[in-house]
N, C-alpha and C. Protein backbone atom coordinates (compact mmCIF):
# COMPACT_ATOMS: atom_id res chain seq x y z
N MET A 1 24.03 -28.30 22.33
CA MET A 1 24.82 -28.27 21.52
C MET A 1 26.18 -27.27 21.54
N THR A 2 26.95 -28.02 21.08
CA THR A 2 28.50 -27.60 21.35
C THR A 2 28.94 -25.98 21.02
N SER A 3 29.72 -25.14 21.94
CA SER A 3 29.92 -23.96 20.95
C SER A 3 30.75 -24.13 19.53
N THR A 4 31.55 -25.57 19.64
CA THR A 4 31.56 -25.66 18.34
C THR A 4 30.40 -25.76 17.05
N GLU A 5 29.78 -26.49 17.95
CA GLU A 5 28.60 -26.91 16.58
C GLU A 5 27.47 -25.45 16.40
N ILE A 6 27.56 -24.40 17.51
CA ILE A 6 27.02 -23.42 16.88
C ILE A 6 27.58 -22.38 16.22
N ALA A 7 29.37 -22.38 16.72
CA ALA A 7 29.71 -21.80 15.27
C ALA A 7 29.64 -21.74 13.63
N SER A 8 29.57 -23.39 14.06
CA SER A 8 29.88 -23.98 12.72
C SER A 8 28.36 -23.62 12.18
N THR A 9 27.06 -23.55 12.95
CA THR A 9 25.75 -23.09 12.28
C THR A 9 25.98 -21.80 11.96
N GLU A 10 26.79 -21.16 12.74
CA GLU A 10 26.61 -19.26 12.24
C GLU A 10 27.27 -19.17 11.30
N LEU A 11 28.40 -20.01 11.04
CA LEU A 11 29.38 -19.38 9.43
C LEU A 11 27.97 -20.18 8.11
N THR A 12 27.37 -21.17 8.48
CA THR A 12 26.95 -21.95 7.71
C THR A 12 25.62 -21.15 7.29
N SER A 13 25.34 -20.05 8.33
CA SER A 13 23.64 -19.90 8.07
C SER A 13 23.84 -18.55 6.61
N ALA A 14 22.30 -19.23 6.01
CA ALA A 14 22.12 -18.41 4.71
C ALA A 14 21.82 -17.08 5.29
N VAL A 15 20.96 -17.08 6.44
CA VAL A 15 20.26 -15.27 6.91
C VAL A 15 21.45 -14.73 7.30
N LEU A 16 22.39 -15.38 7.87
CA LEU A 16 23.99 -14.32 8.49
C LEU A 16 24.76 -14.19 6.94
N SER A 17 25.01 -15.14 5.85
CA SER A 17 25.45 -15.53 4.84
C SER A 17 26.03 -13.54 4.85
N VAL A 18 25.35 -12.54 4.86
CA VAL A 18 25.69 -11.16 4.45
C VAL A 18 24.95 -10.75 6.15
N PRO A 19 25.70 -10.14 6.66
CA PRO A 19 25.36 -9.43 7.96
C PRO A 19 24.51 -8.75 8.10
N ALA A 20 23.79 -8.35 8.89
CA ALA A 20 22.70 -7.38 8.81
C ALA A 20 23.65 -5.91 9.29
N ALA A 21 23.16 -5.00 8.66
CA ALA A 21 23.34 -3.64 8.26
C ALA A 21 23.44 -2.95 9.56
N VAL A 22 24.49 -2.11 10.08
CA VAL A 22 24.61 -1.50 11.14
C VAL A 22 23.59 -0.24 11.16
N ASN A 23 23.70 0.19 13.09
CA ASN A 23 22.09 1.19 12.92
C ASN A 23 22.11 2.20 11.64
N ASP A 24 23.08 2.86 11.77
CA ASP A 24 22.74 3.96 10.62
C ASP A 24 22.38 3.84 9.25
N ALA A 25 22.78 2.62 8.63
CA ALA A 25 22.29 2.44 8.02
C ALA A 25 20.99 1.32 7.59
N ALA A 26 20.90 0.83 8.62
CA ALA A 26 19.40 0.14 9.15
C ALA A 26 18.13 1.43 9.18
N ILE A 27 18.81 2.50 10.08
CA ILE A 27 17.90 3.65 10.60
C ILE A 27 17.54 4.40 8.85
N ALA A 28 18.31 4.72 7.95
CA ALA A 28 17.90 5.13 6.89
C ALA A 28 17.04 4.33 6.21
N HIS A 29 17.33 2.89 5.83
CA HIS A 29 16.88 2.33 4.86
C HIS A 29 15.36 2.04 5.50
N PHE A 30 15.26 1.56 7.21
CA PHE A 30 13.64 1.19 7.27
C PHE A 30 13.00 3.05 7.21
N ALA A 31 13.76 4.09 7.33
CA ALA A 31 12.41 5.29 7.71
C ALA A 31 12.69 5.90 6.37
N ALA A 32 13.72 5.06 5.05
CA ALA A 32 12.89 5.27 3.97
C ALA A 32 12.02 4.87 3.38
N ARG A 33 11.88 3.43 3.87
CA ARG A 33 10.99 2.95 3.20
C ARG A 33 9.23 2.84 3.31
N LEU A 34 9.12 3.84 4.94
CA LEU A 34 7.82 4.57 5.63
C LEU A 34 7.97 5.57 5.01
N ALA A 35 8.36 6.33 4.74
CA ALA A 35 8.54 7.14 3.98
C ALA A 35 7.65 7.07 2.24
N PHE A 36 8.40 5.92 1.87
CA PHE A 36 7.60 5.41 0.46
C PHE A 36 6.60 4.91 0.48
N GLU A 37 6.25 3.99 1.68
CA GLU A 37 5.06 2.44 1.09
C GLU A 37 4.16 3.20 2.68
N THR A 38 2.97 2.51 2.80
CA THR A 38 2.25 2.69 3.90
C THR A 38 1.80 1.02 3.86
N ASP A 39 0.47 0.26 4.75
CA ASP A 39 -0.10 -0.63 4.24
C ASP A 39 -1.68 -0.43 4.89
N VAL A 40 -1.92 -1.52 4.45
CA VAL A 40 -3.63 -1.67 4.25
C VAL A 40 -4.10 -1.39 5.71
N SER A 41 -3.73 -2.06 6.66
CA SER A 41 -4.25 -1.51 8.05
C SER A 41 -4.30 -0.07 8.35
N ASP A 42 -2.70 0.63 8.64
CA ASP A 42 -2.94 2.01 8.23
C ASP A 42 -4.23 2.83 7.62
N VAL A 43 -4.39 2.45 5.90
CA VAL A 43 -5.38 2.70 5.39
C VAL A 43 -6.41 2.59 5.92
N HIS A 44 -6.55 1.70 6.50
CA HIS A 44 -8.09 1.26 7.09
C HIS A 44 -7.95 2.06 7.93
N ALA A 45 -7.36 2.36 9.45
CA ALA A 45 -7.89 3.02 10.05
C ALA A 45 -7.60 4.47 9.68
N ASP A 46 -6.88 5.51 9.22
CA ASP A 46 -7.25 6.16 8.46
C ASP A 46 -8.62 6.73 7.62
N LEU A 47 -9.18 5.34 7.50
CA LEU A 47 -10.59 5.72 6.95
C LEU A 47 -11.58 5.44 7.85
N ALA A 48 -11.80 4.46 8.72
CA ALA A 48 -11.94 4.54 9.85
C ALA A 48 -12.22 5.41 10.94
N SER A 49 -11.22 6.81 10.85
CA SER A 49 -11.43 7.62 11.94
C SER A 49 -11.47 8.93 10.90
N GLY A 50 -11.90 8.90 10.03
CA GLY A 50 -12.50 10.26 9.01
C GLY A 50 -11.37 11.05 8.06
N LEU A 51 -10.04 10.08 8.03
CA LEU A 51 -9.14 11.03 7.61
C LEU A 51 -8.93 10.58 6.57
N LEU A 52 -9.42 9.90 5.32
CA LEU A 52 -9.38 9.26 4.30
C LEU A 52 -9.74 10.63 3.29
N GLY A 53 -9.40 11.16 2.39
CA GLY A 53 -9.70 12.36 2.09
C GLY A 53 -9.51 13.64 2.37
N ARG A 54 -9.23 13.38 3.99
CA ARG A 54 -9.21 14.84 4.53
C ARG A 54 -7.51 14.98 4.70
N ALA A 55 -6.59 13.71 4.91
CA ALA A 55 -5.13 13.58 5.07
C ALA A 55 -4.52 13.15 3.48
N PHE A 56 -5.15 12.60 3.14
CA PHE A 56 -4.93 12.26 1.56
C PHE A 56 -5.54 11.62 0.96
N VAL A 57 -5.28 11.70 -0.31
CA VAL A 57 -6.36 11.07 -1.18
C VAL A 57 -5.74 9.58 -1.79
N LEU A 58 -6.85 8.64 -1.88
CA LEU A 58 -6.69 7.07 -1.75
C LEU A 58 -6.84 7.13 -3.38
N VAL A 59 -5.88 6.43 -3.90
CA VAL A 59 -5.43 6.20 -5.80
C VAL A 59 -5.96 4.74 -6.28
N ASP A 60 -6.60 4.51 -6.32
CA ASP A 60 -6.94 3.21 -7.34
C ASP A 60 -6.79 3.38 -8.56
N SER A 61 -5.47 2.90 -9.23
CA SER A 61 -4.96 2.97 -10.46
C SER A 61 -5.35 2.34 -11.59
N ARG A 62 -6.24 1.26 -11.47
CA ARG A 62 -6.31 0.23 -11.67
C ARG A 62 -7.95 0.58 -13.19
N SER A 63 -7.44 -0.52 -13.78
CA SER A 63 -8.93 -0.66 -14.61
C SER A 63 -10.34 -0.21 -14.42
N ARG A 64 -11.07 0.25 -14.98
CA ARG A 64 -12.25 0.40 -14.84
C ARG A 64 -12.63 -0.88 -14.35
N GLU A 65 -12.64 -1.86 -15.48
CA GLU A 65 -13.63 -3.11 -15.22
C GLU A 65 -12.80 -3.27 -13.81
N ALA A 66 -11.57 -3.14 -13.69
CA ALA A 66 -11.25 -4.11 -11.84
C ALA A 66 -11.80 -2.60 -10.83
N TRP A 67 -11.80 -1.54 -11.14
CA TRP A 67 -12.51 -1.14 -10.23
C TRP A 67 -14.11 -1.00 -10.10
N ASP A 68 -14.71 -1.59 -10.91
CA ASP A 68 -16.07 -1.96 -11.02
C ASP A 68 -16.06 -3.35 -10.25
N GLN A 69 -14.93 -4.00 -10.32
CA GLN A 69 -14.94 -5.32 -9.67
C GLN A 69 -14.82 -5.57 -8.10
N GLY A 70 -14.46 -4.40 -7.91
CA GLY A 70 -14.43 -3.94 -6.34
C GLY A 70 -12.80 -3.02 -6.28
N HIS A 71 -13.14 -2.00 -4.98
CA HIS A 71 -12.60 -0.94 -4.85
C HIS A 71 -12.57 -0.77 -3.20
N ILE A 72 -11.63 0.42 -2.64
CA ILE A 72 -11.84 0.36 -1.49
C ILE A 72 -13.11 2.08 -1.32
N PRO A 73 -13.80 1.98 -0.28
CA PRO A 73 -14.73 3.39 -0.39
C PRO A 73 -13.68 3.93 0.29
N GLY A 74 -14.40 5.30 -0.67
CA GLY A 74 -13.57 6.86 -0.29
C GLY A 74 -12.43 6.87 -1.59
N ALA A 75 -12.18 5.77 -2.20
CA ALA A 75 -10.84 5.78 -3.11
C ALA A 75 -10.98 6.75 -4.31
N VAL A 76 -10.60 7.06 -5.01
CA VAL A 76 -10.64 7.73 -6.34
C VAL A 76 -10.11 6.71 -7.58
N HIS A 77 -10.83 6.93 -8.60
CA HIS A 77 -9.91 5.54 -9.65
C HIS A 77 -9.83 6.94 -10.37
N LEU A 78 -8.50 6.32 -10.83
CA LEU A 78 -7.13 6.99 -11.69
C LEU A 78 -6.10 6.25 -12.14
N PRO A 79 -6.91 5.81 -13.15
CA PRO A 79 -5.81 4.47 -14.15
C PRO A 79 -4.37 4.93 -14.42
N THR A 80 -3.60 4.62 -14.36
CA THR A 80 -2.05 4.89 -14.30
C THR A 80 -2.28 5.63 -15.61
N ARG A 81 -2.50 4.83 -16.59
CA ARG A 81 -2.61 5.81 -18.15
C ARG A 81 -3.07 7.03 -18.19
N GLU A 82 -4.15 7.47 -17.11
CA GLU A 82 -4.56 8.80 -17.51
C GLU A 82 -4.39 10.09 -16.69
N ILE A 83 -2.80 9.63 -15.70
CA ILE A 83 -2.64 10.66 -15.30
C ILE A 83 -1.69 11.81 -15.17
N ALA A 84 -1.07 11.18 -17.01
CA ALA A 84 -0.63 12.52 -17.33
C ALA A 84 -1.20 13.40 -18.03
N PRO A 85 -2.19 12.76 -19.21
CA PRO A 85 -3.41 13.31 -19.80
C PRO A 85 -3.68 14.68 -18.77
N ARG A 86 -4.50 13.94 -17.82
CA ARG A 86 -5.33 14.87 -17.01
C ARG A 86 -4.06 15.66 -15.95
N ALA A 87 -3.06 15.53 -16.25
CA ALA A 87 -2.28 16.87 -15.25
C ALA A 87 -2.33 17.47 -16.64
N ALA A 88 -2.52 17.04 -17.64
CA ALA A 88 -1.80 17.72 -19.08
C ALA A 88 -2.98 19.22 -19.02
N ASP A 89 -4.43 18.50 -19.26
CA ASP A 89 -5.62 19.46 -19.50
C ASP A 89 -6.20 19.85 -17.80
N GLY A 90 -5.67 19.77 -16.78
CA GLY A 90 -6.07 20.05 -15.51
C GLY A 90 -7.38 19.52 -15.22
N SER A 91 -7.40 18.23 -15.34
CA SER A 91 -8.40 17.97 -14.78
C SER A 91 -8.47 17.05 -13.83
N ILE A 92 -6.96 16.41 -13.35
CA ILE A 92 -6.59 15.86 -12.39
C ILE A 92 -6.65 16.25 -11.39
N SER A 93 -6.79 17.68 -11.15
CA SER A 93 -7.29 18.85 -9.93
C SER A 93 -8.75 18.45 -9.26
N GLU A 94 -9.83 17.66 -10.35
CA GLU A 94 -10.93 17.15 -9.58
C GLU A 94 -10.74 15.98 -8.81
N LEU A 95 -9.87 15.47 -8.94
CA LEU A 95 -9.29 14.17 -8.13
C LEU A 95 -8.46 14.47 -7.15
N ILE A 96 -7.86 15.39 -7.04
CA ILE A 96 -6.53 15.46 -6.49
C ILE A 96 -6.52 16.67 -6.54
N PRO A 97 -7.14 17.45 -5.27
CA PRO A 97 -6.87 18.90 -4.68
C PRO A 97 -5.52 19.80 -4.57
N ALA A 98 -5.09 20.93 -5.46
CA ALA A 98 -3.60 21.21 -5.04
C ALA A 98 -3.23 21.14 -3.19
N GLY A 99 -1.84 20.48 -3.22
CA GLY A 99 -1.38 20.55 -2.31
C GLY A 99 -2.18 19.18 -1.50
N ALA A 100 -2.91 18.13 -2.04
CA ALA A 100 -2.51 16.75 -1.40
C ALA A 100 -1.56 15.79 -1.31
N GLN A 101 -1.54 15.08 -0.56
CA GLN A 101 -0.52 14.12 -1.09
C GLN A 101 -1.18 12.40 -0.94
N CYS A 102 -0.66 12.05 -1.65
CA CYS A 102 -1.70 10.35 -2.41
C CYS A 102 -1.14 9.45 -1.53
N VAL A 103 -1.92 8.02 -1.45
CA VAL A 103 -1.46 6.88 -1.67
C VAL A 103 -2.58 6.26 -2.86
N THR A 104 -0.96 5.71 -3.74
CA THR A 104 -1.86 4.92 -4.38
C THR A 104 -1.89 3.02 -4.30
N TYR A 105 -3.11 2.33 -4.79
CA TYR A 105 -2.70 1.25 -4.59
C TYR A 105 -2.76 0.34 -6.24
N CYS A 106 -3.09 -0.73 -6.44
CA CYS A 106 -2.99 -1.61 -7.29
C CYS A 106 -3.78 -3.11 -7.17
N TRP A 107 -3.53 -4.04 -7.52
CA TRP A 107 -4.28 -5.47 -7.54
C TRP A 107 -3.60 -6.02 -5.95
N GLY A 108 -2.00 -5.88 -6.28
CA GLY A 108 -1.34 -6.79 -4.80
C GLY A 108 -0.16 -6.75 -5.22
N PRO A 109 0.67 -7.71 -4.36
CA PRO A 109 2.16 -7.41 -4.35
C PRO A 109 2.40 -8.36 -5.53
N GLY A 110 1.59 -9.15 -6.27
CA GLY A 110 2.36 -9.37 -7.62
C GLY A 110 1.95 -8.35 -9.19
N CYS A 111 1.84 -7.06 -8.56
CA CYS A 111 1.37 -6.38 -9.52
C CYS A 111 2.37 -4.89 -9.13
N ASN A 112 2.53 -3.93 -10.60
CA ASN A 112 3.77 -2.98 -9.98
C ASN A 112 2.76 -1.72 -10.24
N GLY A 113 1.42 -1.50 -10.95
CA GLY A 113 0.57 -0.58 -11.23
C GLY A 113 0.80 0.74 -10.31
N ALA A 114 0.96 0.60 -8.92
CA ALA A 114 0.89 1.26 -7.63
C ALA A 114 1.96 1.95 -7.81
N THR A 115 2.95 1.32 -8.45
CA THR A 115 4.14 1.99 -8.26
C THR A 115 4.58 2.82 -9.19
N ARG A 116 4.03 2.31 -10.47
CA ARG A 116 4.12 3.54 -11.82
C ARG A 116 3.34 4.41 -11.37
N ALA A 117 2.06 4.63 -10.82
CA ALA A 117 1.20 5.54 -10.60
C ALA A 117 2.01 6.36 -9.81
N ALA A 118 2.56 5.73 -8.08
CA ALA A 118 3.13 6.84 -7.73
C ALA A 118 4.61 7.33 -8.08
N LEU A 119 4.88 7.03 -9.32
CA LEU A 119 5.93 7.43 -10.46
C LEU A 119 5.27 8.56 -10.80
N GLU A 120 4.05 7.77 -11.14
CA GLU A 120 3.85 9.76 -12.89
C GLU A 120 3.23 10.57 -11.51
N LEU A 121 2.62 10.50 -10.12
CA LEU A 121 2.28 11.65 -9.54
C LEU A 121 3.46 11.89 -8.94
N ALA A 122 4.62 11.48 -8.35
CA ALA A 122 6.02 11.85 -7.78
C ALA A 122 6.16 13.31 -9.19
N ARG A 123 6.35 12.57 -10.54
CA ARG A 123 6.61 13.31 -11.41
C ARG A 123 6.20 14.47 -11.61
N LEU A 124 4.72 14.50 -11.04
CA LEU A 124 3.90 16.25 -10.98
C LEU A 124 4.33 16.86 -9.64
N GLY A 125 5.07 16.29 -8.98
CA GLY A 125 5.52 17.24 -7.77
C GLY A 125 4.73 16.92 -6.70
N ILE A 126 3.73 15.77 -6.47
CA ILE A 126 2.46 15.50 -6.06
C ILE A 126 3.38 14.72 -4.77
N PRO A 127 3.15 14.73 -3.33
CA PRO A 127 4.33 14.10 -2.37
C PRO A 127 2.82 12.70 -2.39
N VAL A 128 3.66 11.29 -1.94
CA VAL A 128 3.23 10.11 -2.33
C VAL A 128 3.46 8.79 -2.29
N LYS A 129 2.75 8.37 -1.27
CA LYS A 129 3.22 7.00 -0.68
C LYS A 129 2.19 5.64 -1.76
N GLU A 130 3.46 4.49 -1.57
CA GLU A 130 2.55 3.10 -2.45
C GLU A 130 1.74 2.91 -0.62
N MET A 131 0.63 2.15 -1.06
CA MET A 131 0.10 0.70 0.26
C MET A 131 0.39 -0.28 -1.05
N ILE A 132 1.63 -1.07 0.06
CA ILE A 132 1.71 -2.10 -0.23
C ILE A 132 0.86 -3.33 0.17
N GLY A 133 0.39 -4.36 -0.74
CA GLY A 133 -0.77 -5.44 -0.60
C GLY A 133 -1.24 -5.36 -1.58
N GLY A 134 -1.89 -3.69 -1.58
CA GLY A 134 -2.75 -3.40 -2.67
C GLY A 134 -4.38 -3.96 -2.58
N PHE A 135 -5.16 -4.09 -3.22
CA PHE A 135 -6.34 -4.49 -3.38
C PHE A 135 -6.57 -5.84 -2.83
N GLU A 136 -5.91 -6.55 -2.92
CA GLU A 136 -5.42 -8.48 -2.79
C GLU A 136 -5.95 -8.10 -1.50
N TYR A 137 -4.93 -7.63 0.00
CA TYR A 137 -4.37 -7.46 0.60
C TYR A 137 -5.38 -6.50 1.80
N TRP A 138 -6.08 -5.79 1.10
CA TRP A 138 -7.35 -5.43 1.48
C TRP A 138 -8.74 -5.95 1.88
N VAL A 139 -8.62 -7.01 0.82
CA VAL A 139 -9.83 -7.91 1.03
C VAL A 139 -9.88 -8.94 1.72
N ARG A 140 -7.84 -9.52 2.32
CA ARG A 140 -7.98 -10.81 2.49
C ARG A 140 -7.76 -10.36 4.08
N GLU A 141 -7.33 -8.68 4.43
CA GLU A 141 -7.24 -8.45 5.83
C GLU A 141 -8.90 -8.00 5.93
N GLY A 142 -9.70 -8.61 5.22
CA GLY A 142 -11.19 -8.84 5.95
C GLY A 142 -12.19 -7.34 5.69
N PHE A 143 -11.27 -5.83 5.44
CA PHE A 143 -11.81 -4.84 4.96
C PHE A 143 -12.90 -4.68 4.05
N GLY A 144 -14.01 -4.14 4.24
CA GLY A 144 -14.94 -3.91 3.71
C GLY A 144 -14.43 -3.12 2.09
N TYR A 145 -15.30 -3.76 0.98
CA TYR A 145 -15.08 -2.82 -0.41
C TYR A 145 -16.29 -2.82 -1.20
N GLU A 146 -16.69 -1.96 -2.02
CA GLU A 146 -17.45 -1.20 -2.84
C GLU A 146 -17.11 -2.34 -4.09
N THR A 147 -18.21 -2.31 -5.01
CA THR A 147 -18.17 -3.19 -6.39
C THR A 147 -19.69 -2.28 -6.52
N ARG A 148 -20.14 -2.58 -8.20
CA ARG A 148 -20.69 -1.91 -8.87
C ARG A 148 -22.06 -2.56 -8.24
N TRP A 149 -22.01 -3.00 -7.72
CA TRP A 149 -23.42 -4.25 -7.24
C TRP A 149 -23.14 -3.90 -5.35
N GLY A 150 -22.39 -3.06 -5.11
CA GLY A 150 -22.85 -3.07 -3.77
C GLY A 150 -21.29 -3.41 -2.61
N LEU A 151 -21.61 -2.74 -1.44
CA LEU A 151 -21.12 -3.21 -0.42
C LEU A 151 -20.53 -4.43 -0.23
N ARG A 152 -19.42 -5.30 -0.34
CA ARG A 152 -18.98 -6.39 0.04
C ARG A 152 -18.20 -6.64 1.13
N GLU A 153 -18.42 -7.69 2.33
CA GLU A 153 -17.73 -7.83 3.83
C GLU A 153 -17.01 -9.11 3.75
N PRO A 154 -15.51 -9.13 3.57
CA PRO A 154 -15.46 -10.32 3.04
C PRO A 154 -14.65 -10.68 4.61
N ALA A 155 -14.55 -12.64 4.76
CA ALA A 155 -13.82 -12.82 5.68
C ALA A 155 -11.93 -12.91 5.91
N THR A 156 -12.21 -12.46 6.96
CA THR A 156 -10.12 -12.36 7.09
C THR A 156 -9.76 -13.65 7.07
N ASP A 157 -8.98 -13.31 5.99
CA ASP A 157 -7.91 -14.50 5.94
C ASP A 157 -6.84 -14.59 7.11
N PRO A 158 -6.93 -15.57 8.00
CA PRO A 158 -6.19 -16.11 9.21
C PRO A 158 -4.69 -15.69 8.62
N LEU A 159 -3.94 -15.88 7.72
CA LEU A 159 -2.94 -16.00 7.26
C LEU A 159 -2.16 -14.47 7.10
N THR A 160 -3.61 -13.90 7.09
CA THR A 160 -2.74 -12.22 7.18
C THR A 160 -3.30 -11.32 8.18
N ALA A 161 -4.41 -11.38 8.98
CA ALA A 161 -4.48 -11.15 9.79
C ALA A 161 -5.28 -12.01 11.08
N PRO A 162 -5.66 -11.13 11.92
CA PRO A 162 -6.36 -12.03 13.10
C PRO A 162 -7.92 -12.37 13.21
N ALA A 163 -8.15 -13.23 12.85
CA ALA A 163 -9.37 -13.46 12.55
C ALA A 163 -10.88 -12.92 12.77
N ASP A 164 -10.36 -12.60 13.93
CA ASP A 164 -11.56 -11.74 14.76
C ASP A 164 -11.36 -10.34 14.55
N ARG A 165 -10.82 -9.60 13.27
CA ARG A 165 -10.91 -8.05 12.94
C ARG A 165 -9.99 -7.46 13.87
N ALA A 166 -9.47 -7.88 14.80
CA ALA A 166 -9.05 -6.80 15.78
C ALA A 166 -7.68 -6.55 14.95
N ALA A 167 -6.69 -5.27 15.68
CA ALA A 167 -5.51 -5.10 15.39
C ALA A 167 -4.77 -5.84 15.12
N CYS A 168 -3.73 -5.95 14.28
CA CYS A 168 -2.66 -7.03 14.38
C CYS A 168 -1.85 -6.60 15.28
N GLY A 169 -1.65 -5.07 15.79
CA GLY A 169 -0.93 -4.63 17.08
C GLY A 169 0.37 -4.37 16.44
N CYS A 170 0.67 -4.23 15.48
CA CYS A 170 2.38 -4.09 14.98
C CYS A 170 2.25 -2.87 15.01
């Protein structure tokens, strides 16, 4: 490719039609995202190392039917619609001890239930992150989950994680 062709390609690039942020803005943006979000691999690593329940409480914000269909081992069931009433009557402390940090999850990327639950918990002054990917990506990455019928060990979807269940290394 000639330099004229390269320059022409750069000028018409859909990706570069809006320039990338400069370092300070990029650092602030990506640091903020990590302050608000975690992913299923990091939650799984903490579950495997025994930190789940000690470092943070994992909150499944879905309905009873969804919980029974499958949930992450060690999670607590707290549907979003129950957060405010349970905070008002004090029973939320049965699931989330004072001073605890939380991670919320819902079905998956197409659902904002975990975001709504995180907002409700933040309004109560509880430090909270959202697990991106939700239950869908937990299962797609091949991590075991509990159902009302017992433990399930799904196959790994090779489009979301290494098929041999090794860490992705990111």
